[in-house]
Amino acid sequence: RKIAESLEKPKPLKSPKIASPAAPRAGVAEAFLAGDARFLDLLQTARTLDWNALRLRPPPAPWLPLRLNLGDAFHIHTVHVRRHLAQIGRVKAAV
């Protein structure tokens, strides 16, 4: 839960210039939507599971001794995607 909370109220950070694309890359929107569809499929598949009992290591850092329950993992993913959508909105507004 703490991870999701830190993502919901992040401190503003500047991205390195190299991370600012000069032009849109082909296929990014399609890849984003495909990932979103995969997430919805996973939610549907996990519908019958006990999300509090099922524990897993964080996918981006499996070496950490931390174990998240499935509900928190889904919440973190949702918050992360919302942040990306907000970034997209800010970039569109600046163009």
Protein backbone atom coordinates (compact mmCIF):
# COMPACT_ATOMS: atom_id res chain seq x y z
CA ARG A 1 0.00 0.00 0.00
CA LYS A 2 2.86 2.38 0.79
CA ILE A 3 4.25 1.92 -2.73
CA ALA A 4 0.93 2.84 -4.32
CA GLU A 5 0.55 5.84 -2.00
CA SER A 6 3.99 7.11 -2.97
CA LEU A 7 3.02 6.83 -6.65
CA GLU A 8 -0.29 8.63 -6.09
CA LYS A 9 1.37 11.68 -4.52
CA PRO A 10 4.78 11.84 -6.15
CA LYS A 11 7.24 14.64 -5.83
CA PRO A 12 7.64 16.43 -9.17
CA LEU A 13 10.80 15.34 -10.95
CA LYS A 14 12.33 16.54 -14.18
CA SER A 15 13.09 13.82 -16.65
CA PRO A 16 16.52 13.70 -18.24
CA LYS A 17 16.65 15.32 -21.69
CA ILE A 18 17.45 11.94 -23.23
CA ALA A 19 14.09 10.66 -21.91
CA SER A 20 12.18 13.37 -23.80
CA PRO A 21 11.38 11.98 -27.24
CA ALA A 22 11.82 14.35 -30.18
CA ALA A 23 9.04 12.66 -32.15
CA PRO A 24 6.43 10.03 -31.38
CA ARG A 25 7.63 6.48 -31.89
CA ALA A 26 5.62 4.13 -34.07
CA GLY A 27 3.53 1.55 -32.27
CA VAL A 28 3.69 3.08 -28.79
CA ALA A 29 -0.07 3.67 -28.50
CA GLU A 30 -0.81 0.17 -29.79
CA ALA A 31 1.65 -1.38 -27.31
CA PHE A 32 0.09 0.63 -24.46
CA LEU A 33 -3.41 -0.51 -25.39
CA ALA A 34 -2.26 -4.13 -25.76
CA GLY A 35 -0.76 -3.97 -22.26
CA ASP A 36 -4.01 -2.51 -20.95
CA ALA A 37 -5.99 -5.34 -22.56
CA ARG A 38 -3.60 -7.89 -21.01
CA PHE A 39 -4.11 -6.28 -17.59
CA LEU A 40 -7.90 -6.57 -17.98
CA ASP A 41 -7.50 -10.24 -18.92
CA LEU A 42 -5.38 -10.82 -15.81
CA LEU A 43 -7.99 -9.12 -13.62
CA GLN A 44 -10.69 -11.32 -15.12
CA THR A 45 -8.59 -14.46 -14.59
CA ALA A 46 -7.77 -13.50 -10.99
CA ARG A 47 -11.36 -12.65 -10.16
CA THR A 48 -11.92 -15.82 -8.13
CA LEU A 49 -8.63 -15.68 -6.18
CA ASP A 50 -8.13 -14.35 -2.65
CA TRP A 51 -6.10 -11.23 -3.50
CA ASN A 52 -5.03 -10.72 0.13
CA ALA A 53 -3.72 -14.27 0.57
CA LEU A 54 -1.82 -14.58 -2.70
CA ARG A 55 1.67 -13.06 -2.37
CA LEU A 56 4.32 -12.34 -4.99
CA ARG A 57 7.62 -10.57 -5.33
CA PRO A 58 7.48 -7.19 -7.10
CA PRO A 59 7.97 -7.91 -10.84
CA PRO A 60 10.33 -4.94 -11.42
CA ALA A 61 12.52 -5.99 -8.46
CA PRO A 62 12.12 -9.73 -7.76
CA TRP A 63 15.35 -9.81 -5.71
CA LEU A 64 13.81 -7.68 -2.95
CA PRO A 65 12.68 -9.59 0.15
CA LEU A 66 9.36 -7.72 -0.08
CA ARG A 67 6.26 -9.75 -0.93
CA LEU A 68 3.13 -7.97 -2.13
CA ASN A 69 -0.37 -9.34 -2.06
CA LEU A 70 -2.07 -9.55 -5.44
CA GLY A 71 -4.51 -6.74 -4.63
CA ASP A 72 -1.66 -4.34 -3.88
CA ALA A 73 0.18 -5.42 -7.05
CA PHE A 74 -2.90 -4.64 -9.16
CA HIS A 75 -3.36 -1.32 -7.33
CA ILE A 76 0.27 -0.32 -7.95
CA HIS A 77 -0.12 -1.14 -11.65
CA THR A 78 -3.30 0.94 -11.89
CA VAL A 79 -1.68 3.94 -10.17
CA HIS A 80 1.39 3.60 -12.41
CA VAL A 81 -0.75 3.63 -15.56
CA ARG A 82 -2.65 6.69 -14.30
CA ARG A 83 0.68 8.50 -13.88
CA HIS A 84 1.62 7.68 -17.46
CA LEU A 85 -1.75 8.96 -18.69
CA ALA A 86 -1.19 12.19 -16.78
CA GLN A 87 2.27 12.50 -18.38
CA ILE A 88 0.71 12.01 -21.79
CA GLY A 89 -1.82 14.73 -21.04
CA ARG A 90 0.92 17.16 -19.99
CA VAL A 91 2.96 16.45 -23.12
CA LYS A 92 -0.10 16.93 -25.35
CA ALA A 93 -0.92 20.22 -23.62
CA ALA A 94 2.65 21.48 -24.14
CA VAL A 95 2.61 20.74 -27.87
